C-alpha atoms as a PDB file:
ATOM      1  CA  UNK A   1      18.612   4.903   0.313  1.00  0.00           C
ATOM      2  CA  UNK A   2      17.394   3.159  -2.821  1.00  0.00           C
ATOM      3  CA  UNK A   3      15.303   5.062  -5.361  1.00  0.00           C
ATOM      4  CA  UNK A   4      12.421   3.656  -7.369  1.00  0.00           C
ATOM      5  CA  UNK A   5      14.432   4.701 -10.426  1.00  0.00           C
ATOM      6  CA  UNK A   6      17.535   2.714  -9.430  1.00  0.00           C
ATOM      7  CA  UNK A   7      19.084   0.257 -11.874  1.00  0.00           C
ATOM      8  CA  UNK A   8      19.370  -2.342  -9.096  1.00  0.00           C
ATOM      9  CA  UNK A   9      16.236  -4.043  -7.807  1.00  0.00           C
ATOM     10  CA  UNK A  10      15.173  -3.872  -4.173  1.00  0.00           C
ATOM     11  CA  UNK A  11      15.791  -7.613  -3.910  1.00  0.00           C
ATOM     12  CA  UNK A  12      19.359  -7.310  -5.272  1.00  0.00           C
ATOM     13  CA  UNK A  13      20.253  -4.547  -2.830  1.00  0.00           C
ATOM     14  CA  UNK A  14      18.575  -6.261   0.140  1.00  0.00           C
ATOM     15  CA  UNK A  15      20.474  -9.489  -0.507  1.00  0.00           C
ATOM     16  CA  UNK A  16      23.895  -7.801  -0.720  1.00  0.00           C
ATOM     17  CA  UNK A  17      23.788  -4.864   1.720  1.00  0.00           C
ATOM     18  CA  UNK A  18      23.989  -5.346   5.510  1.00  0.00           C
ATOM     19  CA  UNK A  19      22.296  -3.034   7.973  1.00  0.00           C
ATOM     20  CA  UNK A  20      19.244  -0.811   7.802  1.00  0.00           C
ATOM     21  CA  UNK A  21      17.911  -0.314   4.287  1.00  0.00           C
ATOM     22  CA  UNK A  22      16.081   2.814   3.109  1.00  0.00           C
ATOM     23  CA  UNK A  23      13.718   2.974   0.125  1.00  0.00           C
ATOM     24  CA  UNK A  24      11.665   5.655  -1.600  1.00  0.00           C
ATOM     25  CA  UNK A  25       7.905   5.433  -1.052  1.00  0.00           C
ATOM     26  CA  UNK A  26       6.786   4.346  -4.519  1.00  0.00           C
ATOM     27  CA  UNK A  27       7.081   0.577  -3.929  1.00  0.00           C
ATOM     28  CA  UNK A  28       6.503   0.218  -0.200  1.00  0.00           C
ATOM     29  CA  UNK A  29       5.060  -3.304  -0.085  1.00  0.00           C
ATOM     30  CA  UNK A  30       7.743  -4.740  -2.342  1.00  0.00           C
ATOM     31  CA  UNK A  31      10.531  -3.015  -0.420  1.00  0.00           C
ATOM     32  CA  UNK A  32       9.104  -4.201   2.901  1.00  0.00           C
ATOM     33  CA  UNK A  33       8.975  -7.791   1.637  1.00  0.00           C
ATOM     34  CA  UNK A  34      12.647  -7.485   0.587  1.00  0.00           C
ATOM     35  CA  UNK A  35      13.654  -6.427   4.117  1.00  0.00           C
ATOM     36  CA  UNK A  36      13.704  -2.622   3.967  1.00  0.00           C
ATOM     37  CA  UNK A  37      12.784  -1.102   7.346  1.00  0.00           C
ATOM     38  CA  UNK A  38      12.635   2.645   6.695  1.00  0.00           C
ATOM     39  CA  UNK A  39      10.720   4.830   4.241  1.00  0.00           C
ATOM     40  CA  UNK A  40      12.214   8.013   2.728  1.00  0.00           C
ATOM     41  CA  UNK A  41       9.601  10.524   1.599  1.00  0.00           C
ATOM     42  CA  UNK A  42      10.566  12.353  -1.601  1.00  0.00           C
ATOM     43  CA  UNK A  43       8.793  15.644  -2.122  1.00  0.00           C
ATOM     44  CA  UNK A  44       9.014  15.985  -5.887  1.00  0.00           C
ATOM     45  CA  UNK A  45       7.291  14.705  -9.027  1.00  0.00           C
ATOM     46  CA  UNK A  46       6.423  10.954  -8.941  1.00  0.00           C
ATOM     47  CA  UNK A  47       7.550  10.359 -12.527  1.00  0.00           C
ATOM     48  CA  UNK A  48      10.692  10.439 -14.612  1.00  0.00           C
ATOM     49  CA  UNK A  49      11.293  13.915 -16.024  1.00  0.00           C
ATOM     50  CA  UNK A  50      13.833  15.535 -18.315  1.00  0.00           C
ATOM     51  CA  UNK A  51      15.976  17.725 -16.094  1.00  0.00           C
ATOM     52  CA  UNK A  52      17.566  20.799 -17.632  1.00  0.00           C
ATOM     53  CA  UNK A  53      21.017  19.753 -16.387  1.00  0.00           C
ATOM     54  CA  UNK A  54      20.569  16.298 -17.970  1.00  0.00           C
ATOM     55  CA  UNK A  55      19.651  17.920 -21.294  1.00  0.00           C
ATOM     56  CA  UNK A  56      22.556  20.390 -21.128  1.00  0.00           C
ATOM     57  CA  UNK A  57      24.990  17.580 -20.261  1.00  0.00           C
ATOM     58  CA  UNK A  58      23.482  15.230 -22.887  1.00  0.00           C
ATOM     59  CA  UNK A  59      22.819  12.608 -20.210  1.00  0.00           C
ATOM     60  CA  UNK A  60      21.430   9.298 -21.428  1.00  0.00           C
ATOM     61  CA  UNK A  61      20.934   5.987 -19.688  1.00  0.00           C
ATOM     62  CA  UNK A  62      23.224   3.296 -21.090  1.00  0.00           C
ATOM     63  CA  UNK A  63      21.272   0.784 -23.210  1.00  0.00           C
ATOM     64  CA  UNK A  64      22.108  -2.136 -20.896  1.00  0.00           C
ATOM     65  CA  UNK A  65      20.760  -0.321 -17.804  1.00  0.00           C
ATOM     66  CA  UNK A  66      17.088  -0.351 -16.890  1.00  0.00           C
ATOM     67  CA  UNK A  67      14.955   0.933 -14.039  1.00  0.00           C
ATOM     68  CA  UNK A  68      14.524  -2.462 -12.355  1.00  0.00           C
ATOM     69  CA  UNK A  69      12.029  -1.225  -9.754  1.00  0.00           C
ATOM     70  CA  UNK A  70       9.611   0.206 -12.342  1.00  0.00           C
ATOM     71  CA  UNK A  71       8.109  -2.973 -13.768  1.00  0.00           C
ATOM     72  CA  UNK A  72       4.617  -4.422 -13.527  1.00  0.00           C
ATOM     73  CA  UNK A  73       6.128  -7.916 -13.294  1.00  0.00           C
ATOM     74  CA  UNK A  74       7.699  -6.938  -9.948  1.00  0.00           C
ATOM     75  CA  UNK A  75       4.439  -5.796  -8.329  1.00  0.00           C
ATOM     76  CA  UNK A  76       3.561  -7.412  -5.000  1.00  0.00           C
ATOM     77  CA  UNK A  77      -0.046  -7.574  -3.806  1.00  0.00           C
END
């Protein structure tokens, strides 16, 4: 299952992973175009939040990593 907040794009995963692909609901059309066949419904907040465990563990995203599925340039009509 690939999350909208993954640091690999739906296209990258679809091109390298055999079998049935799962994707979170946020980018359904784009995921469908990339070959994903199943939708996983997440019942939480649809935005990036600061989790208490991340704060306590001083978690940070490495500077060279980005959320590749959260970009207006990747939108599909």
